[in-house]
N, C-alpha and C. Protein backbone atom coordinates (compact mmCIF):
# COMPACT_ATOMS: atom_id res chain seq x y z
N MET A 1 60.48 -8.25 55.73
CA MET A 1 58.77 -7.50 56.04
C MET A 1 58.15 -9.01 54.84
N SER A 2 57.39 -9.44 55.56
CA SER A 2 56.84 -10.75 54.84
C SER A 2 55.69 -11.28 55.24
N GLU A 3 54.52 -11.92 54.69
CA GLU A 3 53.04 -12.38 54.94
C GLU A 3 53.51 -12.53 56.18
N GLY A 4 54.24 -13.52 56.59
CA GLY A 4 54.45 -13.93 58.25
C GLY A 4 55.21 -13.36 59.08
N GLY A 5 55.58 -12.22 58.57
CA GLY A 5 56.07 -11.45 60.05
C GLY A 5 57.12 -10.08 59.46
N LEU A 6 57.72 -10.13 60.68
CA LEU A 6 58.73 -9.09 60.53
C LEU A 6 60.06 -8.85 61.14
N ALA A 7 60.92 -8.04 60.98
CA ALA A 7 62.45 -7.82 61.73
C ALA A 7 62.22 -6.48 61.98
N LEU A 8 62.65 -6.09 63.08
CA LEU A 8 62.79 -4.76 63.50
C LEU A 8 64.06 -4.12 64.19
N THR A 9 64.50 -2.87 63.56
CA THR A 9 65.44 -2.66 64.66
C THR A 9 64.88 -2.03 65.68
N HIS A 10 65.41 -1.97 66.95
CA HIS A 10 64.50 -0.93 68.03
C HIS A 10 66.20 -0.56 68.97
N PHE A 11 65.71 0.71 69.01
CA PHE A 11 65.86 1.75 69.99
C PHE A 11 66.09 1.88 71.85
N GLY A 12 66.40 1.88 72.37
CA GLY A 12 66.30 1.66 73.66
C GLY A 12 67.17 0.34 74.58
N SER A 13 67.27 0.62 75.71
CA SER A 13 67.90 -0.72 76.30
C SER A 13 66.87 -2.00 76.88
N THR A 14 65.59 -2.13 76.41
CA THR A 14 64.89 -3.29 76.58
C THR A 14 64.27 -3.20 74.99
N ALA A 15 63.90 -4.64 74.94
CA ALA A 15 63.29 -5.10 73.35
C ALA A 15 61.76 -5.71 74.22
N ALA A 16 60.74 -5.51 73.28
CA ALA A 16 59.58 -6.40 73.18
C ALA A 16 59.29 -7.94 74.14
N GLU A 17 58.31 -8.31 74.67
CA GLU A 17 58.79 -9.66 75.05
C GLU A 17 57.17 -9.89 74.55
N GLY A 18 57.20 -11.26 74.23
CA GLY A 18 55.79 -11.79 74.36
C GLY A 18 54.80 -11.27 72.82
N VAL A 19 53.78 -11.01 73.24
CA VAL A 19 52.74 -10.45 72.21
C VAL A 19 52.56 -9.37 72.02
N VAL A 20 53.03 -8.48 71.52
CA VAL A 20 52.42 -6.87 70.87
C VAL A 20 51.68 -6.71 69.93
N THR A 21 51.47 -5.37 69.98
CA THR A 21 50.61 -5.16 68.54
C THR A 21 51.23 -4.38 67.62
N VAL A 22 51.39 -4.61 66.36
CA VAL A 22 51.82 -4.09 65.41
C VAL A 22 51.32 -2.76 64.64
N GLN A 23 51.48 -1.98 64.48
CA GLN A 23 50.36 -1.18 63.76
C GLN A 23 51.37 0.47 62.49
N PHE A 24 51.21 0.47 61.55
CA PHE A 24 51.71 1.25 60.80
C PHE A 24 51.09 1.47 59.48
N GLU A 25 51.14 2.76 58.63
CA GLU A 25 50.74 3.11 57.20
C GLU A 25 51.57 2.46 56.87
N LEU A 26 50.60 1.50 55.50
CA LEU A 26 50.99 0.98 54.34
C LEU A 26 51.31 2.42 53.92
N PRO A 27 52.19 2.19 52.40
CA PRO A 27 52.59 3.48 51.68
C PRO A 27 51.93 3.22 50.17
N SER A 28 50.47 4.09 50.07
CA SER A 28 49.87 4.19 48.80
C SER A 28 48.95 4.99 48.49
N ALA A 29 48.35 5.04 47.07
CA ALA A 29 47.54 6.47 47.27
C ALA A 29 46.88 6.90 48.09
N ARG A 30 46.06 5.78 48.69
CA ARG A 30 45.10 5.54 49.55
C ARG A 30 45.74 5.05 50.51
N PRO A 31 46.34 5.81 51.65
CA PRO A 31 46.66 5.24 52.49
C PRO A 31 45.87 3.98 54.02
N GLN A 32 46.42 2.98 54.01
CA GLN A 32 45.95 1.92 54.76
C GLN A 32 46.53 1.94 56.17
N THR A 33 45.56 1.67 57.19
CA THR A 33 46.74 1.76 58.71
C THR A 33 46.63 -0.39 58.67
N PHE A 34 47.68 -0.42 58.72
CA PHE A 34 48.04 -2.17 58.65
C PHE A 34 47.90 -2.28 60.50
N GLN A 35 46.80 -3.66 60.83
CA GLN A 35 46.89 -3.23 62.19
C GLN A 35 47.42 -5.61 62.77
N ALA A 36 48.12 -5.66 63.32
CA ALA A 36 48.37 -6.81 63.70
C ALA A 36 48.99 -7.41 64.99
N LYS A 37 48.64 -8.52 65.31
CA LYS A 37 48.92 -8.77 67.20
C LYS A 37 50.25 -9.93 66.28
N ALA A 38 51.42 -10.34 67.38
CA ALA A 38 52.74 -10.74 66.12
C ALA A 38 53.40 -11.06 67.73
N ALA A 39 53.81 -12.44 67.85
CA ALA A 39 55.02 -13.08 68.84
C ALA A 39 55.87 -12.43 68.61
N VAL A 40 57.22 -11.60 69.70
CA VAL A 40 58.32 -11.80 69.45
C VAL A 40 58.96 -13.23 68.94
N VAL A 41 59.83 -13.41 67.99
CA VAL A 41 60.45 -14.86 68.11
C VAL A 41 61.87 -14.59 68.43
N TRP A 42 62.36 -13.56 68.20
CA TRP A 42 64.00 -14.04 68.48
C TRP A 42 64.21 -12.06 68.93
N THR A 43 65.50 -11.97 70.00
CA THR A 43 66.04 -10.50 69.54
C THR A 43 67.44 -10.69 69.90
N ASP A 44 67.91 -9.64 69.65
CA ASP A 44 69.54 -9.54 69.86
C ASP A 44 69.52 -7.89 70.29
N ALA A 45 71.17 -7.78 70.15
CA ALA A 45 71.12 -6.16 70.46
C ALA A 45 70.29 -5.10 70.45
N TYR A 46 69.86 -5.19 68.95
CA TYR A 46 69.48 -3.91 68.02
C TYR A 46 68.32 -4.38 67.78
N ASP A 47 68.00 -5.76 67.08
CA ASP A 47 66.98 -6.28 66.11
C ASP A 47 65.85 -6.92 66.90
N MET A 48 64.97 -6.96 66.45
CA MET A 48 63.76 -7.97 66.97
C MET A 48 62.95 -9.14 65.71
N GLY A 49 62.42 -10.44 65.82
CA GLY A 49 62.04 -10.87 64.94
C GLY A 49 60.61 -11.15 64.94
N LEU A 50 59.67 -10.42 64.56
CA LEU A 50 58.44 -11.16 64.92
C LEU A 50 57.33 -11.66 63.96
N ARG A 51 56.41 -12.65 64.62
CA ARG A 51 56.10 -13.21 63.51
C ARG A 51 54.98 -12.95 63.77
N PHE A 52 53.74 -12.97 62.89
CA PHE A 52 52.21 -12.48 62.89
C PHE A 52 51.41 -13.89 62.98
N LEU A 53 50.84 -13.51 64.25
CA LEU A 53 49.55 -14.39 64.95
C LEU A 53 48.20 -13.81 64.48
N ARG A 54 47.70 -12.86 64.45
CA ARG A 54 46.70 -12.34 63.79
C ARG A 54 46.49 -10.90 62.87
N ILE A 55 46.40 -10.72 61.75
CA ILE A 55 46.18 -9.57 60.79
C ILE A 55 44.86 -9.38 61.09
N GLU A 56 44.98 -7.50 60.84
CA GLU A 56 42.99 -7.64 61.35
C GLU A 56 42.48 -8.18 59.76
N PRO A 57 41.56 -8.42 59.90
CA PRO A 57 40.70 -9.13 58.61
C PRO A 57 40.85 -8.02 57.75
N GLY A 58 40.30 -6.41 57.93
CA GLY A 58 40.37 -5.61 56.86
C GLY A 58 41.85 -5.36 56.25
N CYS A 59 42.83 -5.38 56.87
CA CYS A 59 44.26 -5.19 56.70
C CYS A 59 44.90 -5.81 55.75
N ARG A 60 44.30 -7.38 55.73
CA ARG A 60 45.35 -8.60 54.56
C ARG A 60 45.11 -8.10 53.57
N SER A 61 44.14 -7.28 52.61
CA SER A 61 44.43 -7.42 50.96
C SER A 61 45.06 -6.06 50.82
N GLY A 62 45.22 -5.06 51.81
CA GLY A 62 46.26 -3.84 51.41
C GLY A 62 47.47 -4.45 51.77
N PHE A 63 47.81 -4.90 52.54
CA PHE A 63 49.24 -5.76 53.06
C PHE A 63 49.74 -6.67 51.89
N LYS A 64 48.95 -7.87 51.66
CA LYS A 64 49.19 -8.38 50.41
C LYS A 64 49.45 -7.56 49.03
N ALA A 65 48.78 -6.43 49.12
CA ALA A 65 49.12 -5.88 47.57
C ALA A 65 50.08 -4.97 47.91
N TRP A 66 50.69 -4.23 48.61
CA TRP A 66 51.59 -3.70 48.87
C TRP A 66 52.71 -4.72 48.76
N LEU A 67 53.21 -5.47 49.98
CA LEU A 67 53.81 -6.96 49.52
C LEU A 67 54.08 -7.07 47.72
N ASP A 68 53.31 -7.28 47.43
CA ASP A 68 53.24 -7.40 45.80
C ASP A 68 53.95 -6.68 45.53
N SER A 69 53.33 -5.45 45.53
CA SER A 69 54.03 -4.31 44.28
C SER A 69 55.90 -3.85 44.39
N LEU A 70 56.46 -4.15 46.49
CA LEU A 70 57.24 -4.35 46.21
C LEU A 70 58.14 -5.22 45.63
N GLU A 71 57.65 -6.56 45.92
CA GLU A 71 58.03 -7.97 45.04
C GLU A 71 58.60 -7.37 43.56
N ALA A 72 57.86 -6.51 43.37
CA ALA A 72 57.46 -6.49 41.88
C ALA A 72 58.63 -5.31 41.05
N GLN A 73 58.80 -4.38 42.07
CA GLN A 73 59.93 -3.51 42.14
C GLN A 73 61.19 -3.99 41.80
N LEU A 74 61.33 -5.00 43.01
CA LEU A 74 62.47 -5.60 43.34
C LEU A 74 62.93 -6.41 41.95
N ARG A 75 61.95 -7.13 41.39
CA ARG A 75 62.06 -7.96 40.36
C ARG A 75 62.93 -6.89 39.25
N PHE A 76 61.91 -5.96 39.03
CA PHE A 76 62.75 -4.64 37.90
C PHE A 76 63.27 -4.49 37.99
N ARG A 77 63.83 -4.38 39.14
CA ARG A 77 65.45 -3.99 39.74
C ARG A 77 66.54 -4.79 38.99
N GLU A 78 65.89 -6.14 39.36
CA GLU A 78 67.03 -6.64 39.01
C GLU A 78 66.81 -7.27 37.61
N SER A 79 66.15 -6.82 37.14
CA SER A 79 65.77 -7.06 35.16
C SER A 79 66.45 -6.25 34.46
N ILE A 80 67.07 -5.27 34.79
CA ILE A 80 67.63 -4.03 34.66
C ILE A 80 69.40 -3.99 34.62
N GLN A 81 69.46 -4.76 35.97
CA GLN A 81 70.60 -4.41 36.24
C GLN A 81 71.77 -5.49 34.81
C-alpha cells in the first residue's frame, strides 16, 4: 500500500483486468471510506497490483494521514529493536 497504489491477494480463478473501483474503510477513531479508480497493472496466480488513477477528493487527506500513521508505527518498531 502506498499513495500510488496497492497489491492485493485475490481468491478465485480469475483476477480483475482493466480499470476497477477500490473501496475500503480506513481504520481510525472516525472511520472513513476510501474510494478510488485504479488500473490493474500486474497479476499472477494469487496477487495483483493496482495503480491509483483517481482518488476521490474527500478521501485523499484521510488516506494520507492513515499512511503516515503506518509509517510512524513502523519507524517506532524499528527504533526499539
